[in-house]
Amino acid sequence: MRQWEQVLNRLLVPVFGMWLVIFTLVGCDQITQRTPTATENVSVLPYPFLIPELERQRTVRLYLPPNYENESQSYPVIYMHDGQNLFDEATAHAQEWNVDESLNTLAKATGRKFIVVAIDNGGEFRMNELSPWPNERFGEAQGKAYMQLIVDVVKPYIDTNYRTKADANNTAIMGSSMGGLISHYAIHNYPEVFSKAAIFSPSYWYSQDVFSDSQLHRSKDSARLYVLYGSEEGDGMIADIDKMQRLFKGQGHPRENMKFVVVPTGQHNEQLWGSEFTDAIKWLFKIY
C-alpha cells in the first residue's frame, strides 16, 4: 500500500554562495506505509491544539515514563519539535529518533524518568513556524506564535492533566535543524519556562538575527546549553556554531553549563540526532 505525506523535513543550506539541497519536501514523493514502532507508553493526545494567531492546529504526541499509571511521583518534562519523527517509523520522514526506547532504557538503567511532549511540525508551514525571524527565501516568521502555542496552551494543559514538575528547572526544550533554531530562541527568550536546551544541528544560517537576539536576550548563567552537530554537515554549519560558541564565551556563560559536541562523520539526519539523544539528556539533567 502507498500513501502520500506532506512533511517538510529537509532544507536548503547556503554553502559557498550556492544552495545545497540537504532537505526535500515530502509530498512530491510517495512514502511506503510502514509498521508502527512506537512503544505502548506513547500516545497521541485526543485532539489537536490550535495556534490562535495562525488559526492552525497541531497534533501533540505524549511519552509517559514506564509504570506511570502505578506511581504517584511527578516528572521533569522535555518539549520537542517535529513530533512525527521521534517515536514511530510509521510517521517519521526518514527514520525515527527512538526517543521512547531510549528513555525506557535510561529509566531502567538509572531510575531517572521523564515526560516528553512532542509537537508535530506543520508540513508546508514548518520553516515559518520554527523561526522567530523572517527569511528572504522562505518568507515571514511565525516562530513567536508557535512558541506561544507551547508556552500558553500546550504546557498549561500538560501541567494540569499530568504529574509534571512544572518549574523551569525541570523543563527542557529540544530540537534539530529548524527545531534547533527555535529551541535556541526559546531558552533565551523564555527563561521563566525553560532552563535547559538541546540544540542539534541548528539552522543558524536561516537568519543572522539569531546572533543579535542572543546578545540582547542573554541566557541565564544557570541555563544548560547542549549544542551538537556532525562533522559532515558542511562548512557553513561549523562556522555558525563556532561563532555562537564565541558569543557564549564572550558573555561569560559558565563553561560547566554549556557543551558543544561535534560528532565525527555525523550528517544532517535523524540517525545522528537519535543516536545522540540519550547523551544530551544525561548532560542536561546531570545524570552521571
C-alpha atoms as a PDB file:
ATOM      1  CA  MET A   1       0.000   0.000   0.000  1.00  0.00           C
ATOM      2  CA  ARG A   2       1.210   3.504  -0.827  1.00  0.00           C
ATOM      3  CA  GLN A   3       0.296   6.773   0.801  1.00  0.00           C
ATOM      4  CA  TRP A   4       1.061  10.452   0.308  1.00  0.00           C
ATOM      5  CA  GLU A   5       2.536  12.583   3.031  1.00  0.00           C
ATOM      6  CA  GLN A   6       3.476  16.237   3.049  1.00  0.00           C
ATOM      7  CA  VAL A   7       6.159  16.870   5.642  1.00  0.00           C
ATOM      8  CA  LEU A   8       8.895  19.426   5.109  1.00  0.00           C
ATOM      9  CA  ASN A   9      11.902  17.834   6.759  1.00  0.00           C
ATOM     10  CA  ARG A  10      14.781  18.863   4.578  1.00  0.00           C
ATOM     11  CA  LEU A  11      16.190  22.305   3.962  1.00  0.00           C
ATOM     12  CA  LEU A  12      18.282  24.308   1.539  1.00  0.00           C
ATOM     13  CA  VAL A  13      21.510  25.476   3.113  1.00  0.00           C
ATOM     14  CA  PRO A  14      23.791  28.146   1.653  1.00  0.00           C
ATOM     15  CA  VAL A  15      27.287  26.799   1.034  1.00  0.00           C
ATOM     16  CA  PHE A  16      29.924  28.838  -0.766  1.00  0.00           C
ATOM     17  CA  GLY A  17      27.319  31.126  -2.312  1.00  0.00           C
ATOM     18  CA  MET A  18      25.197  28.270  -3.605  1.00  0.00           C
ATOM     19  CA  TRP A  19      22.193  26.423  -2.211  1.00  0.00           C
ATOM     20  CA  LEU A  20      22.961  22.862  -1.206  1.00  0.00           C
ATOM     21  CA  VAL A  21      19.915  20.631  -1.066  1.00  0.00           C
ATOM     22  CA  ILE A  22      20.069  18.611   2.124  1.00  0.00           C
ATOM     23  CA  PHE A  23      16.339  18.565   2.848  1.00  0.00           C
ATOM     24  CA  THR A  24      13.496  17.663   0.484  1.00  0.00           C
ATOM     25  CA  LEU A  25       9.766  18.278   0.546  1.00  0.00           C
ATOM     26  CA  VAL A  26       7.968  15.048   1.213  1.00  0.00           C
ATOM     27  CA  GLY A  27       4.734  15.201  -0.667  1.00  0.00           C
ATOM     28  CA  CYS A  28       6.441  15.208  -4.028  1.00  0.00           C
ATOM     29  CA  ASP A  29       7.397  11.571  -3.467  1.00  0.00           C
ATOM     30  CA  GLN A  30       5.461   8.532  -2.430  1.00  0.00           C
ATOM     31  CA  ILE A  31       6.109   7.120   1.031  1.00  0.00           C
ATOM     32  CA  THR A  32       5.736   3.409   1.648  1.00  0.00           C
ATOM     33  CA  GLN A  33       3.446   2.703   4.574  1.00  0.00           C
ATOM     34  CA  ARG A  34       5.484   1.294   7.445  1.00  0.00           C
ATOM     35  CA  THR A  35       4.746  -0.729  10.541  1.00  0.00           C
ATOM     36  CA  PRO A  36       4.199   1.389  13.688  1.00  0.00           C
ATOM     37  CA  THR A  37       7.095   1.133  16.144  1.00  0.00           C
ATOM     38  CA  ALA A  38       6.046   3.454  18.986  1.00  0.00           C
ATOM     39  CA  THR A  39       6.129   1.820  22.409  1.00  0.00           C
ATOM     40  CA  GLU A  40       2.959   1.387  24.445  1.00  0.00           C
ATOM     41  CA  ASN A  41       3.734   4.418  26.615  1.00  0.00           C
ATOM     42  CA  VAL A  42       3.466   6.791  23.635  1.00  0.00           C
ATOM     43  CA  SER A  43       0.097   8.244  22.686  1.00  0.00           C
ATOM     44  CA  VAL A  44      -1.401  10.992  20.556  1.00  0.00           C
ATOM     45  CA  LEU A  45      -3.399  13.491  22.583  1.00  0.00           C
ATOM     46  CA  PRO A  46      -7.103  13.189  21.766  1.00  0.00           C
ATOM     47  CA  TYR A  47      -7.500  16.498  19.992  1.00  0.00           C
ATOM     48  CA  PRO A  48      -5.145  18.876  18.174  1.00  0.00           C
ATOM     49  CA  PHE A  49      -4.128  22.212  19.673  1.00  0.00           C
ATOM     50  CA  LEU A  50      -4.936  25.491  17.974  1.00  0.00           C
ATOM     51  CA  ILE A  51      -2.294  28.116  17.265  1.00  0.00           C
ATOM     52  CA  PRO A  52      -4.673  31.053  17.830  1.00  0.00           C
ATOM     53  CA  GLU A  53      -2.753  33.695  15.939  1.00  0.00           C
ATOM     54  CA  LEU A  54      -2.371  31.455  12.881  1.00  0.00           C
ATOM     55  CA  GLU A  55      -5.682  29.562  13.041  1.00  0.00           C
ATOM     56  CA  ARG A  56      -3.877  26.270  12.500  1.00  0.00           C
ATOM     57  CA  GLN A  57      -3.977  23.079  14.510  1.00  0.00           C
ATOM     58  CA  ARG A  58      -1.074  20.924  15.635  1.00  0.00           C
ATOM     59  CA  THR A  59      -1.085  17.315  16.772  1.00  0.00           C
ATOM     60  CA  VAL A  60       0.740  16.650  20.043  1.00  0.00           C
ATOM     61  CA  ARG A  61       2.291  13.300  20.951  1.00  0.00           C
ATOM     62  CA  LEU A  62       2.975  12.296  24.535  1.00  0.00           C
ATOM     63  CA  TYR A  63       5.527   9.945  26.054  1.00  0.00           C
ATOM     64  CA  LEU A  64       4.878   8.920  29.658  1.00  0.00           C
ATOM     65  CA  PRO A  65       7.543   7.081  31.658  1.00  0.00           C
ATOM     66  CA  PRO A  66       7.304   3.356  32.353  1.00  0.00           C
ATOM     67  CA  ASN A  67       4.834   2.457  35.109  1.00  0.00           C
ATOM     68  CA  TYR A  68       3.405   5.994  35.151  1.00  0.00           C
ATOM     69  CA  GLU A  69      -0.117   4.769  35.971  1.00  0.00           C
ATOM     70  CA  ASN A  70       1.078   2.875  39.037  1.00  0.00           C
ATOM     71  CA  GLU A  71       3.213   5.625  40.534  1.00  0.00           C
ATOM     72  CA  SER A  72       2.423   8.927  42.211  1.00  0.00           C
ATOM     73  CA  GLN A  73       5.596  10.911  41.615  1.00  0.00           C
ATOM     74  CA  SER A  74       5.964  13.888  39.284  1.00  0.00           C
ATOM     75  CA  TYR A  75       8.429  14.097  36.422  1.00  0.00           C
ATOM     76  CA  PRO A  76      10.569  16.603  34.507  1.00  0.00           C
ATOM     77  CA  VAL A  77       9.268  17.455  31.043  1.00  0.00           C
ATOM     78  CA  ILE A  78      11.066  17.707  27.707  1.00  0.00           C
ATOM     79  CA  TYR A  79       9.329  19.680  24.946  1.00  0.00           C
ATOM     80  CA  MET A  80      10.346  18.624  21.431  1.00  0.00           C
ATOM     81  CA  HIS A  81       9.537  19.586  17.842  1.00  0.00           C
ATOM     82  CA  ASP A  82       8.904  17.513  14.699  1.00  0.00           C
ATOM     83  CA  GLY A  83       6.920  15.040  16.761  1.00  0.00           C
ATOM     84  CA  GLN A  84       6.282  12.789  13.753  1.00  0.00           C
ATOM     85  CA  ASN A  85       9.956  11.805  13.726  1.00  0.00           C
ATOM     86  CA  LEU A  86      10.576  10.992  17.370  1.00  0.00           C
ATOM     87  CA  PHE A  87       8.774   7.762  18.251  1.00  0.00           C
ATOM     88  CA  ASP A  88       7.386   5.938  15.255  1.00  0.00           C
ATOM     89  CA  GLU A  89       8.755   4.649  11.946  1.00  0.00           C
ATOM     90  CA  ALA A  90       5.224   4.796  10.536  1.00  0.00           C
ATOM     91  CA  THR A  91       5.123   8.599  10.779  1.00  0.00           C
ATOM     92  CA  ALA A  92       8.822   9.519  10.554  1.00  0.00           C
ATOM     93  CA  HIS A  93      10.185  11.195   7.457  1.00  0.00           C
ATOM     94  CA  ALA A  94      13.330   9.079   7.112  1.00  0.00           C
ATOM     95  CA  GLN A  95      13.725   7.201  10.374  1.00  0.00           C
ATOM     96  CA  GLU A  96      12.607   7.790  13.938  1.00  0.00           C
ATOM     97  CA  TRP A  97      14.786   9.036  16.786  1.00  0.00           C
ATOM     98  CA  ASN A  98      13.805   6.147  19.106  1.00  0.00           C
ATOM     99  CA  VAL A  99      13.141   8.643  21.896  1.00  0.00           C
ATOM    100  CA  ASP A 100      10.714   6.288  23.643  1.00  0.00           C
ATOM    101  CA  GLU A 101      13.013   3.263  23.554  1.00  0.00           C
ATOM    102  CA  SER A 102      15.969   5.392  24.660  1.00  0.00           C
ATOM    103  CA  LEU A 103      14.130   6.843  27.662  1.00  0.00           C
ATOM    104  CA  ASN A 104      12.733   3.445  28.655  1.00  0.00           C
ATOM    105  CA  THR A 105      16.281   2.090  28.662  1.00  0.00           C
ATOM    106  CA  LEU A 106      17.544   5.100  30.630  1.00  0.00           C
ATOM    107  CA  ALA A 107      14.783   4.652  33.217  1.00  0.00           C
ATOM    108  CA  LYS A 108      15.673   1.003  33.669  1.00  0.00           C
ATOM    109  CA  ALA A 109      19.389   1.731  33.994  1.00  0.00           C
ATOM    110  CA  THR A 110      19.271   4.824  36.216  1.00  0.00           C
ATOM    111  CA  GLY A 111      15.764   5.192  37.624  1.00  0.00           C
ATOM    112  CA  ARG A 112      15.525   8.660  36.056  1.00  0.00           C
ATOM    113  CA  LYS A 113      12.251   9.189  34.220  1.00  0.00           C
ATOM    114  CA  PHE A 114      10.820  11.940  32.027  1.00  0.00           C
ATOM    115  CA  ILE A 115       7.697  13.042  30.217  1.00  0.00           C
ATOM    116  CA  VAL A 116       8.140  14.085  26.579  1.00  0.00           C
ATOM    117  CA  VAL A 117       5.700  16.420  24.837  1.00  0.00           C
ATOM    118  CA  ALA A 118       6.245  16.361  21.072  1.00  0.00           C
ATOM    119  CA  ILE A 119       4.548  18.858  18.778  1.00  0.00           C
ATOM    120  CA  ASP A 120       4.122  17.728  15.173  1.00  0.00           C
ATOM    121  CA  ASN A 121       5.531  20.034  12.547  1.00  0.00           C
ATOM    122  CA  GLY A 122       3.244  21.873  10.171  1.00  0.00           C
ATOM    123  CA  GLY A 123       4.464  20.391   6.893  1.00  0.00           C
ATOM    124  CA  GLU A 124       4.486  23.244   4.390  1.00  0.00           C
ATOM    125  CA  PHE A 125       4.481  25.761   7.281  1.00  0.00           C
ATOM    126  CA  ARG A 126       7.379  24.148   9.146  1.00  0.00           C
ATOM    127  CA  MET A 127      10.057  26.623   8.094  1.00  0.00           C
ATOM    128  CA  ASN A 128       7.984  29.640   9.085  1.00  0.00           C
ATOM    129  CA  GLU A 129       6.656  28.221  12.348  1.00  0.00           C
ATOM    130  CA  LEU A 130      10.073  27.158  13.593  1.00  0.00           C
ATOM    131  CA  SER A 131      11.737  30.537  13.098  1.00  0.00           C
ATOM    132  CA  PRO A 132      11.048  33.751  15.023  1.00  0.00           C
ATOM    133  CA  TRP A 133      12.838  35.702  12.281  1.00  0.00           C
ATOM    134  CA  PRO A 134      11.898  36.128   8.604  1.00  0.00           C
ATOM    135  CA  ASN A 135      13.931  34.782   5.736  1.00  0.00           C
ATOM    136  CA  GLU A 136      14.109  36.325   2.270  1.00  0.00           C
ATOM    137  CA  ARG A 137      13.656  32.953   0.590  1.00  0.00           C
ATOM    138  CA  PHE A 138      11.121  31.336   2.904  1.00  0.00           C
ATOM    139  CA  GLY A 139       9.071  34.322   3.988  1.00  0.00           C
ATOM    140  CA  GLU A 140       7.510  35.542   7.205  1.00  0.00           C
ATOM    141  CA  ALA A 141       8.410  34.415  10.704  1.00  0.00           C
ATOM    142  CA  GLN A 142       5.780  32.607  12.748  1.00  0.00           C
ATOM    143  CA  GLY A 143       8.016  31.160  15.453  1.00  0.00           C
ATOM    144  CA  LYS A 144       6.744  33.502  18.140  1.00  0.00           C
ATOM    145  CA  ALA A 145       3.179  32.313  17.550  1.00  0.00           C
ATOM    146  CA  TYR A 146       4.400  28.714  17.645  1.00  0.00           C
ATOM    147  CA  MET A 147       6.189  29.320  20.945  1.00  0.00           C
ATOM    148  CA  GLN A 148       3.048  30.894  22.380  1.00  0.00           C
ATOM    149  CA  LEU A 149       1.258  27.661  21.478  1.00  0.00           C
ATOM    150  CA  ILE A 150       3.769  25.715  23.565  1.00  0.00           C
ATOM    151  CA  VAL A 151       4.047  28.135  26.480  1.00  0.00           C
ATOM    152  CA  ASP A 152       0.458  29.385  26.789  1.00  0.00           C
ATOM    153  CA  VAL A 153      -1.610  26.455  25.520  1.00  0.00           C
ATOM    154  CA  VAL A 154       0.183  23.106  25.497  1.00  0.00           C
ATOM    155  CA  LYS A 155       2.254  23.447  28.670  1.00  0.00           C
ATOM    156  CA  PRO A 156      -0.672  24.544  30.885  1.00  0.00           C
ATOM    157  CA  TYR A 157      -2.705  21.607  29.551  1.00  0.00           C
ATOM    158  CA  ILE A 158       0.110  19.141  30.253  1.00  0.00           C
ATOM    159  CA  ASP A 159       0.788  20.535  33.738  1.00  0.00           C
ATOM    160  CA  THR A 160      -2.922  20.347  34.591  1.00  0.00           C
ATOM    161  CA  ASN A 161      -3.562  16.841  33.311  1.00  0.00           C
ATOM    162  CA  TYR A 162      -0.310  15.018  34.060  1.00  0.00           C
ATOM    163  CA  ARG A 163       2.065  14.760  37.001  1.00  0.00           C
ATOM    164  CA  THR A 164       4.771  17.167  35.957  1.00  0.00           C
ATOM    165  CA  LYS A 165       7.457  19.120  37.709  1.00  0.00           C
ATOM    166  CA  ALA A 166       6.280  22.340  36.134  1.00  0.00           C
ATOM    167  CA  ASP A 167       9.057  24.737  37.198  1.00  0.00           C
ATOM    168  CA  ALA A 168      11.715  25.913  34.756  1.00  0.00           C
ATOM    169  CA  ASN A 169      14.442  23.924  36.474  1.00  0.00           C
ATOM    170  CA  ASN A 170      12.655  20.741  35.434  1.00  0.00           C
ATOM    171  CA  THR A 171      11.614  21.826  31.943  1.00  0.00           C
ATOM    172  CA  ALA A 172      13.772  21.391  28.836  1.00  0.00           C
ATOM    173  CA  ILE A 173      13.319  22.109  25.144  1.00  0.00           C
ATOM    174  CA  MET A 174      14.988  20.199  22.341  1.00  0.00           C
ATOM    175  CA  GLY A 175      15.052  20.027  18.566  1.00  0.00           C
ATOM    176  CA  SER A 176      17.120  19.607  15.430  1.00  0.00           C
ATOM    177  CA  SER A 177      17.749  21.770  12.372  1.00  0.00           C
ATOM    178  CA  MET A 178      14.913  24.342  12.380  1.00  0.00           C
ATOM    179  CA  GLY A 179      13.831  22.745  15.660  1.00  0.00           C
ATOM    180  CA  GLY A 180      17.291  23.542  16.964  1.00  0.00           C
ATOM    181  CA  LEU A 181      16.855  27.159  15.925  1.00  0.00           C
ATOM    182  CA  ILE A 182      13.534  27.579  17.750  1.00  0.00           C
ATOM    183  CA  SER A 183      14.918  25.763  20.809  1.00  0.00           C
ATOM    184  CA  HIS A 184      17.807  28.234  20.876  1.00  0.00           C
ATOM    185  CA  TYR A 185      15.307  31.089  20.728  1.00  0.00           C
ATOM    186  CA  ALA A 186      13.202  29.551  23.494  1.00  0.00           C
ATOM    187  CA  ILE A 187      15.995  29.157  26.039  1.00  0.00           C
ATOM    188  CA  HIS A 188      16.981  32.805  25.538  1.00  0.00           C
ATOM    189  CA  ASN A 189      13.512  34.346  25.463  1.00  0.00           C
ATOM    190  CA  TYR A 190      11.556  32.180  27.919  1.00  0.00           C
ATOM    191  CA  PRO A 191      13.931  31.713  30.870  1.00  0.00           C
ATOM    192  CA  GLU A 192      10.958  31.536  33.230  1.00  0.00           C
ATOM    193  CA  VAL A 193       9.758  28.426  31.357  1.00  0.00           C
ATOM    194  CA  PHE A 194      12.884  26.562  30.192  1.00  0.00           C
ATOM    195  CA  SER A 195      16.235  26.093  31.914  1.00  0.00           C
ATOM    196  CA  LYS A 196      17.742  23.510  29.552  1.00  0.00           C
ATOM    197  CA  ALA A 197      18.051  23.250  25.781  1.00  0.00           C
ATOM    198  CA  ALA A 198      19.447  20.607  23.446  1.00  0.00           C
ATOM    199  CA  ILE A 199      20.194  22.364  20.175  1.00  0.00           C
ATOM    200  CA  PHE A 200      21.016  19.814  17.468  1.00  0.00           C
ATOM    201  CA  SER A 201      22.368  20.912  14.062  1.00  0.00           C
ATOM    202  CA  PRO A 202      20.736  24.345  14.432  1.00  0.00           C
ATOM    203  CA  SER A 203      19.770  26.302  11.324  1.00  0.00           C
ATOM    204  CA  TYR A 204      21.624  29.437  12.362  1.00  0.00           C
ATOM    205  CA  TRP A 205      22.060  30.191   8.649  1.00  0.00           C
ATOM    206  CA  TYR A 206      18.328  30.937   8.380  1.00  0.00           C
ATOM    207  CA  SER A 207      18.710  34.385   9.948  1.00  0.00           C
ATOM    208  CA  GLN A 208      21.641  36.347  11.298  1.00  0.00           C
ATOM    209  CA  ASP A 209      19.174  37.774  13.810  1.00  0.00           C
ATOM    210  CA  VAL A 210      19.850  34.712  15.949  1.00  0.00           C
ATOM    211  CA  PHE A 211      23.199  36.241  16.905  1.00  0.00           C
ATOM    212  CA  SER A 212      21.912  39.721  17.728  1.00  0.00           C
ATOM    213  CA  ASP A 213      18.966  38.237  19.629  1.00  0.00           C
ATOM    214  CA  SER A 214      21.345  36.078  21.662  1.00  0.00           C
ATOM    215  CA  GLN A 215      23.275  39.208  22.564  1.00  0.00           C
ATOM    216  CA  LEU A 216      20.127  41.101  23.517  1.00  0.00           C
ATOM    217  CA  HIS A 217      18.463  38.261  25.433  1.00  0.00           C
ATOM    218  CA  ARG A 218      21.392  36.654  27.158  1.00  0.00           C
ATOM    219  CA  SER A 219      20.565  33.267  28.637  1.00  0.00           C
ATOM    220  CA  LYS A 220      20.715  32.871  32.390  1.00  0.00           C
ATOM    221  CA  ASP A 221      24.027  31.672  33.795  1.00  0.00           C
ATOM    222  CA  SER A 222      22.159  28.681  35.189  1.00  0.00           C
ATOM    223  CA  ALA A 223      20.774  27.703  31.763  1.00  0.00           C
ATOM    224  CA  ARG A 224      22.291  24.493  30.422  1.00  0.00           C
ATOM    225  CA  LEU A 225      23.024  24.637  26.690  1.00  0.00           C
ATOM    226  CA  TYR A 226      23.931  21.497  24.729  1.00  0.00           C
ATOM    227  CA  VAL A 227      24.823  22.251  21.114  1.00  0.00           C
ATOM    228  CA  LEU A 228      25.580  19.330  18.788  1.00  0.00           C
ATOM    229  CA  TYR A 229      26.410  18.914  15.119  1.00  0.00           C
ATOM    230  CA  GLY A 230      28.069  16.422  12.780  1.00  0.00           C
ATOM    231  CA  SER A 231      31.439  16.947  11.151  1.00  0.00           C
ATOM    232  CA  GLU A 232      29.920  16.210   7.722  1.00  0.00           C
ATOM    233  CA  GLU A 233      27.232  18.906   7.888  1.00  0.00           C
ATOM    234  CA  GLY A 234      29.207  21.438   5.902  1.00  0.00           C
ATOM    235  CA  ASP A 235      31.489  24.399   6.496  1.00  0.00           C
ATOM    236  CA  GLY A 236      28.564  26.781   6.956  1.00  0.00           C
ATOM    237  CA  MET A 237      27.214  24.825   9.919  1.00  0.00           C
ATOM    238  CA  ILE A 238      30.637  24.618  11.536  1.00  0.00           C
ATOM    239  CA  ALA A 239      31.338  28.335  11.061  1.00  0.00           C
ATOM    240  CA  ASP A 240      27.992  29.409  12.508  1.00  0.00           C
ATOM    241  CA  ILE A 241      28.327  27.176  15.559  1.00  0.00           C
ATOM    242  CA  ASP A 242      31.878  28.390  16.149  1.00  0.00           C
ATOM    243  CA  LYS A 243      30.540  31.952  16.017  1.00  0.00           C
ATOM    244  CA  MET A 244      27.818  31.126  18.542  1.00  0.00           C
ATOM    245  CA  GLN A 245      30.300  29.413  20.831  1.00  0.00           C
ATOM    246  CA  ARG A 246      32.483  32.523  20.814  1.00  0.00           C
ATOM    247  CA  LEU A 247      29.416  34.623  21.590  1.00  0.00           C
ATOM    248  CA  PHE A 248      28.528  32.483  24.618  1.00  0.00           C
ATOM    249  CA  LYS A 249      32.093  32.570  25.879  1.00  0.00           C
ATOM    250  CA  GLY A 250      32.252  36.325  25.373  1.00  0.00           C
ATOM    251  CA  GLN A 251      29.127  36.696  27.502  1.00  0.00           C
ATOM    252  CA  GLY A 252      30.831  34.752  30.252  1.00  0.00           C
ATOM    253  CA  HIS A 253      28.361  31.878  30.225  1.00  0.00           C
ATOM    254  CA  PRO A 254      29.712  29.340  32.728  1.00  0.00           C
ATOM    255  CA  ARG A 255      31.711  26.629  30.991  1.00  0.00           C
ATOM    256  CA  GLU A 256      30.099  23.946  33.120  1.00  0.00           C
ATOM    257  CA  ASN A 257      26.689  24.960  31.764  1.00  0.00           C
ATOM    258  CA  MET A 258      27.448  24.812  28.063  1.00  0.00           C
ATOM    259  CA  LYS A 259      28.655  21.940  25.944  1.00  0.00           C
ATOM    260  CA  PHE A 260      29.483  21.909  22.244  1.00  0.00           C
ATOM    261  CA  VAL A 261      29.726  18.462  20.683  1.00  0.00           C
ATOM    262  CA  VAL A 262      30.922  17.566  17.200  1.00  0.00           C
ATOM    263  CA  VAL A 263      30.200  14.003  16.090  1.00  0.00           C
ATOM    264  CA  PRO A 264      32.802  12.611  13.661  1.00  0.00           C
ATOM    265  CA  THR A 265      31.230  11.637  10.302  1.00  0.00           C
ATOM    266  CA  GLY A 266      27.832  12.836  11.578  1.00  0.00           C
ATOM    267  CA  GLN A 267      25.424  14.074   8.909  1.00  0.00           C
ATOM    268  CA  HIS A 268      22.289  16.235   8.986  1.00  0.00           C
ATOM    269  CA  ASN A 269      19.767  13.482   9.655  1.00  0.00           C
ATOM    270  CA  GLU A 270      17.672  11.614  12.211  1.00  0.00           C
ATOM    271  CA  GLN A 271      20.274   8.897  12.581  1.00  0.00           C
ATOM    272  CA  LEU A 272      22.694  11.423  14.082  1.00  0.00           C
ATOM    273  CA  TRP A 273      20.133  13.103  16.315  1.00  0.00           C
ATOM    274  CA  GLY A 274      18.585   9.901  17.623  1.00  0.00           C
ATOM    275  CA  SER A 275      21.953   8.341  18.383  1.00  0.00           C
ATOM    276  CA  GLU A 276      22.994  11.373  20.450  1.00  0.00           C
ATOM    277  CA  PHE A 277      19.678  11.881  22.253  1.00  0.00           C
ATOM    278  CA  THR A 278      20.481   9.952  25.441  1.00  0.00           C
ATOM    279  CA  ASP A 279      23.860  11.606  25.967  1.00  0.00           C
ATOM    280  CA  ALA A 280      22.234  15.022  25.657  1.00  0.00           C
ATOM    281  CA  ILE A 281      19.560  14.167  28.227  1.00  0.00           C
ATOM    282  CA  LYS A 282      22.154  12.816  30.636  1.00  0.00           C
ATOM    283  CA  TRP A 283      24.188  16.004  30.403  1.00  0.00           C
ATOM    284  CA  LEU A 284      21.236  18.386  30.623  1.00  0.00           C
ATOM    285  CA  PHE A 285      19.835  16.698  33.730  1.00  0.00           C
ATOM    286  CA  LYS A 286      23.192  15.766  35.284  1.00  0.00           C
ATOM    287  CA  ILE A 287      22.707  12.015  35.149  1.00  0.00           C
ATOM    288  CA  TYR A 288      26.175  10.650  35.795  1.00  0.00           C
END
